[in-house]
Amino acid sequence: MTGAELKAALMGEYPVRYAGITYQKVTALIYRKDSTRIQISAELLDRTGRAVVIAPAGKIERGTSNAEI
């Protein structure tokens, strides 16, 4: 997902998929600067609501519905 798509998922509380797992929602966006560019990552809340995963933006996909969770 792009930064704009992740922002929309964050604000809309849409489910997302990463590494074959569906997460409830994006809870934070993380911007890190390396020597020449900005790396975007997202904090994803798991189904139980008790743990988060940090994932690179390019490997996150939009989930299809809240029914998956």
Protein backbone atom coordinates (compact mmCIF):
# COMPACT_ATOMS: atom_id res chain seq x y z
CA MET A 1 0.00 0.00 0.00
CA THR A 2 1.08 3.57 -0.54
CA GLY A 3 1.34 6.12 2.26
CA ALA A 4 -1.98 7.65 1.16
CA GLU A 5 -3.71 4.25 1.14
CA LEU A 6 -2.37 3.48 4.60
CA LYS A 7 -3.57 6.85 5.88
CA ALA A 8 -7.06 6.08 4.53
CA ALA A 9 -6.97 2.66 6.22
CA LEU A 10 -5.85 4.28 9.47
CA MET A 11 -8.60 6.89 9.43
CA GLY A 12 -11.31 4.47 8.22
CA GLU A 13 -10.18 1.65 10.54
CA TYR A 14 -10.21 -0.82 7.65
CA PRO A 15 -8.81 -4.33 8.07
CA VAL A 16 -5.53 -5.02 6.27
CA ARG A 17 -3.55 -8.13 5.30
CA TYR A 18 0.15 -8.75 5.81
CA ALA A 19 2.00 -12.03 5.31
CA GLY A 20 -1.26 -13.89 4.77
CA ILE A 21 -2.80 -12.70 8.05
CA THR A 22 -5.70 -10.26 8.37
CA TYR A 23 -5.25 -7.54 11.01
CA GLN A 24 -8.09 -5.53 12.60
CA LYS A 25 -6.76 -2.14 11.61
CA VAL A 26 -3.78 0.16 11.21
CA THR A 27 -3.04 1.87 14.54
CA ALA A 28 -0.06 4.02 13.52
CA LEU A 29 2.05 5.10 10.56
CA ILE A 30 5.81 5.23 10.97
CA TYR A 31 8.11 7.31 8.78
CA ARG A 32 11.83 6.53 9.03
CA LYS A 33 14.55 8.34 7.15
CA ASP A 34 17.50 6.35 5.92
CA SER A 35 20.42 8.03 4.18
CA THR A 36 18.50 9.03 1.04
CA ARG A 37 14.78 8.32 1.40
CA ILE A 38 11.79 7.89 3.68
CA GLN A 39 10.67 4.37 4.59
CA ILE A 40 6.99 4.01 5.53
CA SER A 41 5.84 1.28 7.90
CA ALA A 42 2.57 0.67 9.69
CA GLU A 43 1.64 -0.65 13.10
CA LEU A 44 -1.07 -3.31 12.68
CA LEU A 45 -3.39 -4.45 15.48
CA ASP A 46 -3.96 -8.21 15.59
CA ARG A 47 -7.34 -9.93 15.88
CA THR A 48 -7.19 -10.25 19.65
CA GLY A 49 -6.50 -6.54 20.10
CA ARG A 50 -3.56 -7.35 22.36
CA ALA A 51 -0.55 -7.27 20.05
CA VAL A 52 0.80 -5.21 17.17
CA VAL A 53 3.08 -5.95 14.24
CA ILE A 54 5.24 -3.41 12.42
CA ALA A 55 5.13 -4.04 8.67
CA PRO A 56 6.63 -2.30 5.62
CA ALA A 57 4.05 -0.38 3.60
CA GLY A 58 4.82 -2.17 0.35
CA LYS A 59 3.89 -5.57 1.79
CA ILE A 60 0.52 -4.59 3.26
CA GLU A 61 -2.73 -5.14 1.35
CA ARG A 62 -6.21 -3.91 2.07
CA GLY A 63 -8.43 -6.56 3.67
CA THR A 64 -11.73 -7.37 2.03
CA SER A 65 -14.09 -6.89 5.00
CA ASN A 66 -14.42 -6.82 8.77
CA ALA A 67 -16.10 -10.24 8.52
CA GLU A 68 -12.64 -11.83 7.99
CA ILE A 69 -11.50 -10.82 11.44
